[in-house]
């Protein structure tokens, strides 16, 4: 089985290209700094925010999280610590789901 890796240019000081936002081909999104697997394209969904949106990580250790407000967690790569943005609690496409 061949894996397709999609390098996700996630960082709070970067802007993403439109092609990343609307890219829904099958694959695995990985950290642009170290290549650590973060999200599967199966967890990606369309959202009104200007960032790609995912419902869950691909592995339990894909990201590290720390509290950042009442309804958000600061998210970093679980391997290298590269800043990935936030997980917004209860803001996913279904009740009880998060949005990364």
N, C-alpha and C. Protein backbone atom coordinates (compact mmCIF):
# COMPACT_ATOMS: atom_id res chain seq x y z
N UNK A 1 0.85 -1.18 0.00
CA UNK A 1 0.00 0.00 0.00
C UNK A 1 0.89 1.24 0.00
N UNK A 2 0.68 2.08 -0.97
CA UNK A 2 1.46 3.31 -1.10
C UNK A 2 0.74 4.45 -0.39
N UNK A 3 1.45 5.15 0.49
CA UNK A 3 0.88 6.30 1.18
C UNK A 3 1.18 7.57 0.41
N UNK A 4 0.21 8.45 0.33
CA UNK A 4 0.42 9.76 -0.25
C UNK A 4 0.54 10.76 0.88
N UNK A 5 1.67 11.46 0.95
CA UNK A 5 1.89 12.44 2.00
C UNK A 5 1.63 13.84 1.47
N UNK A 6 0.85 14.60 2.20
CA UNK A 6 0.50 15.97 1.84
C UNK A 6 1.10 16.88 2.90
N UNK A 7 2.05 17.70 2.52
CA UNK A 7 2.73 18.55 3.48
C UNK A 7 1.86 19.74 3.82
N UNK A 8 1.47 19.80 5.06
CA UNK A 8 0.57 20.83 5.54
C UNK A 8 1.37 21.99 6.08
N UNK A 9 1.22 23.13 5.47
CA UNK A 9 1.96 24.32 5.88
C UNK A 9 1.22 25.01 7.01
N UNK A 10 1.16 24.34 8.14
CA UNK A 10 0.46 24.86 9.31
C UNK A 10 1.41 25.69 10.15
N UNK A 11 1.08 26.87 10.40
CA UNK A 11 1.73 27.68 11.42
C UNK A 11 0.92 28.96 11.57
N UNK A 12 0.94 29.54 12.73
CA UNK A 12 0.08 30.69 12.99
C UNK A 12 0.56 31.93 12.27
N UNK A 13 1.81 31.97 11.84
CA UNK A 13 2.31 33.15 11.14
C UNK A 13 2.34 32.96 9.62
N UNK A 14 1.88 31.79 9.14
CA UNK A 14 1.89 31.51 7.70
C UNK A 14 0.49 31.69 7.13
N UNK A 15 0.43 31.97 5.86
CA UNK A 15 -0.86 31.94 5.19
C UNK A 15 -0.88 30.72 4.29
N UNK A 16 -2.02 30.09 4.18
CA UNK A 16 -2.15 28.89 3.38
C UNK A 16 -2.63 29.25 1.99
N UNK A 17 -2.25 28.47 1.04
CA UNK A 17 -2.71 28.70 -0.32
C UNK A 17 -4.11 28.15 -0.48
N UNK A 18 -4.84 28.67 -1.40
CA UNK A 18 -6.20 28.19 -1.67
C UNK A 18 -6.18 26.71 -2.02
N UNK A 19 -5.14 26.27 -2.71
CA UNK A 19 -5.07 24.86 -3.10
C UNK A 19 -5.03 23.94 -1.89
N UNK A 20 -4.42 24.36 -0.78
CA UNK A 20 -4.40 23.55 0.43
C UNK A 20 -5.78 23.50 1.07
N UNK A 21 -6.49 24.63 1.05
CA UNK A 21 -7.81 24.69 1.66
C UNK A 21 -8.81 23.80 0.95
N UNK A 22 -8.75 23.75 -0.36
CA UNK A 22 -9.74 23.04 -1.14
C UNK A 22 -9.22 21.72 -1.69
N UNK A 23 -8.12 21.23 -1.16
CA UNK A 23 -7.52 19.97 -1.61
C UNK A 23 -8.14 18.84 -0.80
N UNK A 24 -8.88 17.97 -1.44
CA UNK A 24 -9.56 16.88 -0.73
C UNK A 24 -9.19 15.51 -1.26
N UNK A 25 -8.08 15.39 -1.98
CA UNK A 25 -7.63 14.07 -2.45
C UNK A 25 -7.19 13.22 -1.26
N UNK A 26 -7.23 11.92 -1.42
CA UNK A 26 -6.84 10.99 -0.35
C UNK A 26 -5.36 11.13 -0.03
N UNK A 27 -5.04 11.09 1.25
CA UNK A 27 -3.65 11.16 1.67
C UNK A 27 -3.52 11.45 3.14
N UNK A 28 -2.29 11.63 3.57
CA UNK A 28 -1.98 11.91 4.97
C UNK A 28 -1.30 13.26 5.05
N UNK A 29 -1.83 14.14 5.87
CA UNK A 29 -1.23 15.45 6.08
C UNK A 29 -0.15 15.32 7.15
N UNK A 30 1.02 15.83 6.84
CA UNK A 30 2.16 15.70 7.74
C UNK A 30 2.72 17.08 8.08
N UNK A 31 3.48 17.13 9.16
CA UNK A 31 4.12 18.37 9.59
C UNK A 31 5.10 18.84 8.52
N UNK A 32 5.03 20.13 8.18
CA UNK A 32 5.91 20.66 7.15
C UNK A 32 7.36 20.76 7.64
N UNK A 33 7.55 20.72 8.95
CA UNK A 33 8.90 20.84 9.50
C UNK A 33 9.61 19.49 9.63
N UNK A 34 8.89 18.44 10.10
CA UNK A 34 9.58 17.17 10.36
C UNK A 34 8.96 15.96 9.66
N UNK A 35 7.80 16.12 9.02
CA UNK A 35 7.17 15.00 8.31
C UNK A 35 6.34 14.07 9.17
N UNK A 36 6.12 14.42 10.45
CA UNK A 36 5.31 13.59 11.36
C UNK A 36 3.86 13.57 10.88
N UNK A 37 3.22 12.39 10.87
CA UNK A 37 1.84 12.25 10.41
C UNK A 37 0.89 12.95 11.39
N UNK A 38 0.03 13.83 10.85
CA UNK A 38 -0.89 14.62 11.67
C UNK A 38 -2.35 14.24 11.47
N UNK A 39 -2.81 14.33 10.22
CA UNK A 39 -4.23 14.14 9.92
C UNK A 39 -4.40 13.30 8.66
N UNK A 40 -5.50 12.57 8.59
CA UNK A 40 -5.87 11.85 7.38
C UNK A 40 -6.85 12.72 6.59
N UNK A 41 -6.80 12.61 5.29
CA UNK A 41 -7.77 13.34 4.46
C UNK A 41 -9.20 12.90 4.77
N UNK A 42 -9.37 11.71 5.34
CA UNK A 42 -10.71 11.24 5.71
C UNK A 42 -11.32 12.07 6.84
N UNK A 43 -10.48 12.77 7.61
CA UNK A 43 -10.96 13.60 8.72
C UNK A 43 -11.11 15.07 8.32
N UNK A 44 -10.82 15.40 7.06
CA UNK A 44 -10.90 16.79 6.60
C UNK A 44 -12.32 17.10 6.15
N UNK A 45 -12.76 18.32 6.43
CA UNK A 45 -14.08 18.73 5.99
C UNK A 45 -14.08 20.22 5.66
N UNK A 46 -15.08 20.65 4.91
CA UNK A 46 -15.19 22.06 4.55
C UNK A 46 -15.72 22.85 5.73
N UNK A 47 -15.09 24.00 5.98
CA UNK A 47 -15.47 24.88 7.08
C UNK A 47 -15.31 26.32 6.61
N UNK A 48 -16.02 27.23 7.24
CA UNK A 48 -15.99 28.63 6.82
C UNK A 48 -14.72 29.38 7.26
N UNK A 49 -13.89 28.75 8.09
CA UNK A 49 -12.65 29.41 8.53
C UNK A 49 -11.65 29.45 7.37
N UNK A 50 -10.65 30.33 7.44
CA UNK A 50 -9.65 30.39 6.36
C UNK A 50 -8.55 29.33 6.48
N UNK A 51 -8.76 28.30 7.28
CA UNK A 51 -7.77 27.24 7.50
C UNK A 51 -8.38 25.90 7.14
N UNK A 52 -7.56 24.92 6.76
CA UNK A 52 -8.09 23.56 6.58
C UNK A 52 -8.68 23.08 7.91
N UNK A 53 -9.74 22.31 7.87
CA UNK A 53 -10.41 21.84 9.08
C UNK A 53 -10.44 20.32 9.12
N UNK A 54 -10.12 19.78 10.30
CA UNK A 54 -10.10 18.33 10.52
C UNK A 54 -10.85 18.02 11.80
N UNK A 55 -11.46 16.83 11.88
CA UNK A 55 -12.19 16.44 13.07
C UNK A 55 -11.32 15.70 14.09
N UNK A 56 -10.24 15.06 13.63
CA UNK A 56 -9.40 14.30 14.56
C UNK A 56 -8.02 14.09 13.96
N UNK A 57 -7.08 13.74 14.82
CA UNK A 57 -5.71 13.44 14.38
C UNK A 57 -5.65 12.00 13.88
N UNK A 58 -4.60 11.68 13.15
CA UNK A 58 -4.46 10.33 12.59
C UNK A 58 -3.97 9.33 13.65
N UNK A 59 -3.17 9.79 14.62
CA UNK A 59 -2.65 8.94 15.70
C UNK A 59 -2.83 9.68 17.03
N UNK A 60 -2.93 8.96 18.13
CA UNK A 60 -3.05 9.63 19.43
C UNK A 60 -1.87 10.56 19.74
N UNK A 61 -0.68 10.25 19.23
CA UNK A 61 0.50 11.07 19.52
C UNK A 61 0.85 12.03 18.37
N UNK A 62 -0.08 12.24 17.44
CA UNK A 62 0.20 13.13 16.31
C UNK A 62 0.47 14.56 16.76
N UNK A 63 -0.26 15.02 17.77
CA UNK A 63 -0.09 16.39 18.25
C UNK A 63 0.01 16.42 19.77
N UNK A 64 0.56 17.50 20.27
CA UNK A 64 0.50 17.77 21.71
C UNK A 64 -0.41 18.98 21.88
N UNK A 65 -1.09 19.05 23.03
CA UNK A 65 -2.08 20.10 23.26
C UNK A 65 -1.86 20.73 24.62
N UNK A 66 -2.18 22.03 24.71
CA UNK A 66 -2.21 22.71 26.00
C UNK A 66 -3.36 23.70 25.99
N UNK A 67 -3.97 23.89 27.13
CA UNK A 67 -5.15 24.76 27.25
C UNK A 67 -4.82 26.17 26.80
N UNK A 68 -5.74 26.75 26.04
CA UNK A 68 -5.57 28.11 25.55
C UNK A 68 -6.95 28.77 25.49
N UNK A 69 -7.49 29.07 26.63
CA UNK A 69 -8.83 29.64 26.72
C UNK A 69 -9.85 28.58 27.11
N UNK A 70 -11.09 29.03 27.22
CA UNK A 70 -12.16 28.15 27.70
C UNK A 70 -12.56 27.07 26.70
N UNK A 71 -12.50 27.39 25.40
CA UNK A 71 -12.99 26.45 24.39
C UNK A 71 -11.94 26.09 23.34
N UNK A 72 -10.66 26.27 23.69
CA UNK A 72 -9.62 25.99 22.70
C UNK A 72 -8.38 25.40 23.35
N UNK A 73 -7.66 24.63 22.57
CA UNK A 73 -6.37 24.07 22.97
C UNK A 73 -5.33 24.49 21.94
N UNK A 74 -4.16 24.89 22.40
CA UNK A 74 -3.04 25.19 21.50
C UNK A 74 -2.47 23.86 21.05
N UNK A 75 -2.26 23.69 19.75
CA UNK A 75 -1.84 22.42 19.19
C UNK A 75 -0.47 22.56 18.54
N UNK A 76 0.42 21.60 18.82
CA UNK A 76 1.76 21.54 18.24
C UNK A 76 2.02 20.14 17.71
N UNK A 77 2.96 20.03 16.80
CA UNK A 77 3.37 18.72 16.29
C UNK A 77 3.83 17.87 17.47
N UNK A 78 3.37 16.64 17.53
CA UNK A 78 3.73 15.74 18.61
C UNK A 78 5.18 15.29 18.58
N UNK A 79 5.87 15.52 17.49
CA UNK A 79 7.27 15.10 17.36
C UNK A 79 8.23 16.26 17.55
N UNK A 80 8.04 17.36 16.79
CA UNK A 80 9.03 18.44 16.81
C UNK A 80 8.56 19.72 17.52
N UNK A 81 7.27 19.79 17.86
CA UNK A 81 6.76 20.96 18.55
C UNK A 81 6.36 22.13 17.65
N UNK A 82 6.40 21.95 16.32
CA UNK A 82 6.01 22.99 15.39
C UNK A 82 4.58 23.43 15.68
N UNK A 83 4.33 24.73 15.77
CA UNK A 83 3.00 25.25 16.06
C UNK A 83 2.03 24.98 14.93
N UNK A 84 0.88 24.40 15.26
CA UNK A 84 -0.11 24.02 14.26
C UNK A 84 -1.41 24.81 14.37
N UNK A 85 -1.54 25.63 15.38
CA UNK A 85 -2.77 26.39 15.56
C UNK A 85 -3.54 25.91 16.77
N UNK A 86 -4.85 25.69 16.61
CA UNK A 86 -5.71 25.35 17.74
C UNK A 86 -6.65 24.19 17.43
N UNK A 87 -7.10 23.58 18.51
CA UNK A 87 -8.24 22.67 18.46
C UNK A 87 -9.38 23.42 19.14
N UNK A 88 -10.47 23.61 18.42
CA UNK A 88 -11.63 24.31 18.97
C UNK A 88 -12.64 23.26 19.40
N UNK A 89 -12.88 23.22 20.70
CA UNK A 89 -13.73 22.19 21.29
C UNK A 89 -15.20 22.43 20.93
N UNK A 90 -15.90 21.36 20.62
CA UNK A 90 -17.32 21.41 20.26
C UNK A 90 -17.61 22.35 19.10
N UNK A 91 -16.70 22.42 18.13
CA UNK A 91 -16.90 23.27 16.95
C UNK A 91 -16.74 22.47 15.66
N UNK A 92 -16.89 21.15 15.76
CA UNK A 92 -16.77 20.30 14.58
C UNK A 92 -18.07 20.21 13.81
N UNK A 93 -18.12 19.39 12.78
CA UNK A 93 -19.32 19.30 11.94
C UNK A 93 -20.49 18.60 12.63
N UNK A 94 -20.20 17.83 13.68
CA UNK A 94 -21.26 17.14 14.45
C UNK A 94 -21.14 17.53 15.91
N UNK A 95 -22.22 17.42 16.64
CA UNK A 95 -22.24 17.76 18.05
C UNK A 95 -21.18 16.96 18.81
N UNK A 96 -20.41 17.64 19.64
CA UNK A 96 -19.39 16.98 20.45
C UNK A 96 -18.04 16.83 19.76
N UNK A 97 -17.95 17.11 18.47
CA UNK A 97 -16.67 17.00 17.75
C UNK A 97 -15.88 18.29 17.84
N UNK A 98 -14.58 18.14 17.83
CA UNK A 98 -13.67 19.29 17.79
C UNK A 98 -13.32 19.63 16.36
N UNK A 99 -12.78 20.84 16.19
CA UNK A 99 -12.26 21.27 14.89
C UNK A 99 -10.80 21.64 15.07
N UNK A 100 -9.94 20.99 14.31
CA UNK A 100 -8.51 21.33 14.29
C UNK A 100 -8.28 22.28 13.14
